[in-house]
Amino acid sequence: MVSKTIQIQEITFEELADKVADKLLIKIKHYLNELHTNGNDAYLTRQETADFLKISLVSLWNWTNKGIVKSYSIGNKRYYNKQEILAILRKNE
């Protein structure tokens, strides 16, 4: 294992935290964008999933809590895998 030492000068803790948060936010947005545009494994937001299924957000919440559909959390947002939703629909035909 390689150890590295980082020395930071002339920056407050708050400034450092802001810089780290900014970089992390950029990475998360990039990751979410990849999830959203990835062809076969497209992830839908709650609203997109509800619209796709033609149900209300409350129904989607109930279905998620009952285990009918599976959601994935990233931060405080929930996403649904479109392929999994389609598989559930095919299974229940």
N, C-alpha and C. Protein backbone atom coordinates (compact mmCIF):
# COMPACT_ATOMS: atom_id res chain seq x y z
N MET A 1 0.84 -1.17 0.00
CA MET A 1 0.00 0.00 0.00
C MET A 1 0.89 1.24 0.00
N VAL A 2 0.54 2.20 -0.83
CA VAL A 2 1.32 3.42 -0.95
C VAL A 2 0.63 4.53 -0.17
N SER A 3 1.38 5.20 0.67
CA SER A 3 0.83 6.33 1.43
C SER A 3 1.26 7.63 0.77
N LYS A 4 0.35 8.58 0.76
CA LYS A 4 0.65 9.89 0.22
C LYS A 4 0.30 10.93 1.26
N THR A 5 1.07 11.96 1.31
CA THR A 5 0.81 13.06 2.22
C THR A 5 0.43 14.28 1.41
N ILE A 6 -0.66 14.91 1.80
CA ILE A 6 -1.10 16.13 1.14
C ILE A 6 -0.98 17.26 2.13
N GLN A 7 -0.33 18.31 1.70
CA GLN A 7 -0.18 19.48 2.57
C GLN A 7 -0.99 20.62 1.97
N ILE A 8 -1.88 21.17 2.77
CA ILE A 8 -2.76 22.24 2.31
C ILE A 8 -2.43 23.50 3.11
N GLN A 9 -2.21 24.58 2.38
CA GLN A 9 -1.87 25.84 3.04
C GLN A 9 -2.80 26.94 2.53
N GLU A 10 -3.00 27.92 3.37
CA GLU A 10 -3.73 29.14 3.03
C GLU A 10 -5.16 28.88 2.56
N ILE A 11 -5.85 27.97 3.22
CA ILE A 11 -7.25 27.71 2.92
C ILE A 11 -7.94 27.32 4.23
N THR A 12 -9.13 27.84 4.42
CA THR A 12 -9.87 27.49 5.63
C THR A 12 -10.56 26.15 5.44
N PHE A 13 -10.99 25.59 6.55
CA PHE A 13 -11.69 24.32 6.49
C PHE A 13 -12.96 24.45 5.66
N GLU A 14 -13.70 25.54 5.81
CA GLU A 14 -14.93 25.76 5.06
C GLU A 14 -14.65 25.86 3.56
N GLU A 15 -13.57 26.54 3.19
CA GLU A 15 -13.22 26.65 1.77
C GLU A 15 -12.87 25.28 1.20
N LEU A 16 -12.14 24.50 1.97
CA LEU A 16 -11.78 23.15 1.54
C LEU A 16 -13.03 22.30 1.38
N ALA A 17 -13.93 22.37 2.36
CA ALA A 17 -15.17 21.60 2.29
C ALA A 17 -15.99 22.01 1.07
N ASP A 18 -16.05 23.32 0.78
CA ASP A 18 -16.78 23.79 -0.40
C ASP A 18 -16.17 23.27 -1.69
N LYS A 19 -14.85 23.29 -1.78
CA LYS A 19 -14.17 22.79 -2.99
C LYS A 19 -14.44 21.29 -3.18
N VAL A 20 -14.35 20.53 -2.10
CA VAL A 20 -14.61 19.09 -2.19
C VAL A 20 -16.06 18.84 -2.58
N ALA A 21 -16.99 19.58 -1.96
CA ALA A 21 -18.41 19.43 -2.27
C ALA A 21 -18.69 19.77 -3.74
N ASP A 22 -18.07 20.82 -4.25
CA ASP A 22 -18.26 21.21 -5.65
C ASP A 22 -17.78 20.11 -6.59
N LYS A 23 -16.61 19.56 -6.33
CA LYS A 23 -16.07 18.49 -7.18
C LYS A 23 -16.94 17.24 -7.09
N LEU A 24 -17.40 16.92 -5.88
CA LEU A 24 -18.25 15.76 -5.70
C LEU A 24 -19.57 15.93 -6.44
N LEU A 25 -20.14 17.12 -6.38
CA LEU A 25 -21.39 17.40 -7.09
C LEU A 25 -21.23 17.24 -8.59
N ILE A 26 -20.11 17.69 -9.13
CA ILE A 26 -19.83 17.52 -10.56
C ILE A 26 -19.77 16.04 -10.91
N LYS A 27 -19.08 15.24 -10.08
CA LYS A 27 -18.97 13.80 -10.33
C LYS A 27 -20.33 13.13 -10.26
N ILE A 28 -21.15 13.50 -9.27
CA ILE A 28 -22.48 12.90 -9.12
C ILE A 28 -23.36 13.25 -10.31
N LYS A 29 -23.33 14.52 -10.75
CA LYS A 29 -24.13 14.92 -11.91
C LYS A 29 -23.70 14.15 -13.15
N HIS A 30 -22.40 13.97 -13.33
CA HIS A 30 -21.88 13.20 -14.47
C HIS A 30 -22.37 11.76 -14.39
N TYR A 31 -22.31 11.18 -13.20
CA TYR A 31 -22.75 9.80 -13.00
C TYR A 31 -24.24 9.66 -13.28
N LEU A 32 -25.04 10.60 -12.77
CA LEU A 32 -26.49 10.55 -13.02
C LEU A 32 -26.80 10.73 -14.49
N ASN A 33 -26.05 11.58 -15.16
CA ASN A 33 -26.25 11.78 -16.59
C ASN A 33 -25.95 10.49 -17.35
N GLU A 34 -24.90 9.78 -16.96
CA GLU A 34 -24.59 8.50 -17.59
C GLU A 34 -25.70 7.49 -17.34
N LEU A 35 -26.22 7.45 -16.11
CA LEU A 35 -27.31 6.54 -15.79
C LEU A 35 -28.53 6.85 -16.63
N HIS A 36 -28.79 8.12 -16.80
CA HIS A 36 -29.99 8.56 -17.49
C HIS A 36 -29.93 8.32 -18.99
N THR A 37 -28.74 8.36 -19.57
CA THR A 37 -28.61 8.24 -21.02
C THR A 37 -28.10 6.88 -21.48
N ASN A 38 -27.84 5.98 -20.55
CA ASN A 38 -27.32 4.66 -20.89
C ASN A 38 -28.43 3.81 -21.49
N GLY A 39 -28.37 3.55 -22.79
CA GLY A 39 -29.41 2.87 -23.56
C GLY A 39 -30.22 1.79 -22.88
N ASN A 40 -29.70 0.57 -22.77
CA ASN A 40 -30.47 -0.55 -22.26
C ASN A 40 -30.71 -0.50 -20.76
N ASP A 41 -29.82 0.08 -20.03
CA ASP A 41 -29.97 0.16 -18.58
C ASP A 41 -30.38 1.55 -18.15
N ALA A 42 -31.33 2.13 -18.87
CA ALA A 42 -31.78 3.47 -18.54
C ALA A 42 -32.47 3.47 -17.18
N TYR A 43 -32.18 4.48 -16.41
CA TYR A 43 -32.82 4.66 -15.12
C TYR A 43 -33.78 5.83 -15.22
N LEU A 44 -34.95 5.63 -14.66
CA LEU A 44 -36.00 6.63 -14.73
C LEU A 44 -36.17 7.29 -13.36
N THR A 45 -36.52 8.56 -13.37
CA THR A 45 -36.85 9.24 -12.12
C THR A 45 -38.21 8.73 -11.64
N ARG A 46 -38.60 9.13 -10.45
CA ARG A 46 -39.92 8.74 -9.94
C ARG A 46 -41.02 9.20 -10.88
N GLN A 47 -40.94 10.47 -11.31
CA GLN A 47 -41.98 11.00 -12.18
C GLN A 47 -42.01 10.29 -13.52
N GLU A 48 -40.84 10.05 -14.10
CA GLU A 48 -40.77 9.34 -15.39
C GLU A 48 -41.33 7.93 -15.26
N THR A 49 -41.03 7.26 -14.14
CA THR A 49 -41.54 5.91 -13.93
C THR A 49 -43.05 5.91 -13.78
N ALA A 50 -43.57 6.85 -12.99
CA ALA A 50 -45.02 6.96 -12.81
C ALA A 50 -45.70 7.26 -14.15
N ASP A 51 -45.14 8.17 -14.93
CA ASP A 51 -45.69 8.48 -16.25
C ASP A 51 -45.65 7.25 -17.16
N PHE A 52 -44.54 6.53 -17.14
CA PHE A 52 -44.37 5.34 -17.97
C PHE A 52 -45.41 4.28 -17.63
N LEU A 53 -45.66 4.11 -16.32
CA LEU A 53 -46.63 3.11 -15.87
C LEU A 53 -48.07 3.63 -15.85
N LYS A 54 -48.20 4.94 -16.08
CA LYS A 54 -49.52 5.59 -16.04
C LYS A 54 -50.19 5.42 -14.68
N ILE A 55 -49.39 5.66 -13.63
CA ILE A 55 -49.89 5.60 -12.25
C ILE A 55 -49.47 6.88 -11.54
N SER A 56 -50.01 7.10 -10.36
CA SER A 56 -49.64 8.28 -9.57
C SER A 56 -48.34 8.02 -8.82
N LEU A 57 -47.74 9.10 -8.33
CA LEU A 57 -46.54 8.96 -7.52
C LEU A 57 -46.83 8.21 -6.22
N VAL A 58 -48.04 8.39 -5.69
CA VAL A 58 -48.43 7.67 -4.47
C VAL A 58 -48.49 6.17 -4.74
N SER A 59 -49.06 5.78 -5.87
CA SER A 59 -49.11 4.35 -6.22
C SER A 59 -47.70 3.80 -6.40
N LEU A 60 -46.84 4.57 -7.05
CA LEU A 60 -45.46 4.12 -7.24
C LEU A 60 -44.78 3.94 -5.89
N TRP A 61 -45.01 4.85 -4.96
CA TRP A 61 -44.45 4.75 -3.62
C TRP A 61 -44.95 3.48 -2.94
N ASN A 62 -46.25 3.22 -3.05
CA ASN A 62 -46.83 2.01 -2.45
C ASN A 62 -46.24 0.75 -3.07
N TRP A 63 -46.12 0.73 -4.38
CA TRP A 63 -45.55 -0.43 -5.06
C TRP A 63 -44.10 -0.66 -4.63
N THR A 64 -43.37 0.44 -4.46
CA THR A 64 -41.97 0.32 -4.03
C THR A 64 -41.90 -0.25 -2.61
N ASN A 65 -42.74 0.26 -1.72
CA ASN A 65 -42.74 -0.22 -0.33
C ASN A 65 -43.19 -1.67 -0.21
N LYS A 66 -44.08 -2.11 -1.11
CA LYS A 66 -44.55 -3.50 -1.10
C LYS A 66 -43.58 -4.44 -1.80
N GLY A 67 -42.55 -3.90 -2.45
CA GLY A 67 -41.57 -4.73 -3.14
C GLY A 67 -41.98 -5.13 -4.54
N ILE A 68 -43.02 -4.51 -5.06
CA ILE A 68 -43.46 -4.82 -6.42
C ILE A 68 -42.43 -4.32 -7.43
N VAL A 69 -41.93 -3.12 -7.21
CA VAL A 69 -40.86 -2.56 -8.03
C VAL A 69 -39.70 -2.19 -7.12
N LYS A 70 -38.51 -2.22 -7.67
CA LYS A 70 -37.32 -1.92 -6.90
C LYS A 70 -36.78 -0.55 -7.30
N SER A 71 -36.44 0.24 -6.29
CA SER A 71 -35.85 1.55 -6.58
C SER A 71 -34.40 1.57 -6.12
N TYR A 72 -33.65 2.48 -6.69
CA TYR A 72 -32.24 2.68 -6.36
C TYR A 72 -32.07 4.11 -5.89
N SER A 73 -31.42 4.27 -4.77
CA SER A 73 -31.22 5.61 -4.21
C SER A 73 -29.83 6.12 -4.54
N ILE A 74 -29.78 7.36 -4.96
CA ILE A 74 -28.52 8.07 -5.13
C ILE A 74 -28.74 9.40 -4.44
N GLY A 75 -28.07 9.57 -3.33
CA GLY A 75 -28.33 10.76 -2.53
C GLY A 75 -29.74 10.66 -1.98
N ASN A 76 -30.51 11.71 -2.16
CA ASN A 76 -31.89 11.68 -1.69
C ASN A 76 -32.88 11.48 -2.84
N LYS A 77 -32.40 10.99 -3.97
CA LYS A 77 -33.25 10.76 -5.13
C LYS A 77 -33.40 9.27 -5.38
N ARG A 78 -34.53 8.90 -5.94
CA ARG A 78 -34.80 7.50 -6.26
C ARG A 78 -34.91 7.33 -7.77
N TYR A 79 -34.39 6.22 -8.23
CA TYR A 79 -34.42 5.90 -9.66
C TYR A 79 -34.91 4.47 -9.82
N TYR A 80 -35.50 4.19 -10.97
CA TYR A 80 -36.02 2.88 -11.29
C TYR A 80 -35.41 2.41 -12.60
N ASN A 81 -34.97 1.16 -12.63
CA ASN A 81 -34.37 0.60 -13.83
C ASN A 81 -35.48 0.25 -14.82
N LYS A 82 -35.43 0.84 -15.99
CA LYS A 82 -36.48 0.65 -16.99
C LYS A 82 -36.60 -0.81 -17.42
N GLN A 83 -35.49 -1.50 -17.57
CA GLN A 83 -35.52 -2.90 -17.97
C GLN A 83 -36.20 -3.77 -16.91
N GLU A 84 -35.96 -3.45 -15.63
CA GLU A 84 -36.62 -4.19 -14.56
C GLU A 84 -38.12 -3.94 -14.56
N ILE A 85 -38.52 -2.70 -14.82
CA ILE A 85 -39.94 -2.36 -14.90
C ILE A 85 -40.60 -3.14 -16.05
N LEU A 86 -39.93 -3.16 -17.20
CA LEU A 86 -40.46 -3.90 -18.36
C LEU A 86 -40.57 -5.40 -18.06
N ALA A 87 -39.59 -5.95 -17.35
CA ALA A 87 -39.61 -7.37 -17.01
C ALA A 87 -40.79 -7.67 -16.08
N ILE A 88 -41.06 -6.78 -15.13
CA ILE A 88 -42.19 -6.98 -14.22
C ILE A 88 -43.51 -6.94 -15.01
N LEU A 89 -43.60 -6.01 -15.95
CA LEU A 89 -44.82 -5.91 -16.76
C LEU A 89 -45.02 -7.16 -17.60
N ARG A 90 -43.95 -7.68 -18.19
CA ARG A 90 -44.04 -8.91 -19.01
C ARG A 90 -44.45 -10.11 -18.16
N LYS A 91 -43.89 -10.15 -16.94
CA LYS A 91 -44.17 -11.26 -16.05
C LYS A 91 -45.64 -11.28 -15.60
N ASN A 92 -46.23 -10.12 -15.48
CA ASN A 92 -47.60 -10.00 -15.00
C ASN A 92 -48.64 -9.91 -16.12
N GLU A 93 -48.25 -10.22 -17.33
CA GLU A 93 -49.20 -10.18 -18.45
C GLU A 93 -50.18 -11.33 -18.37
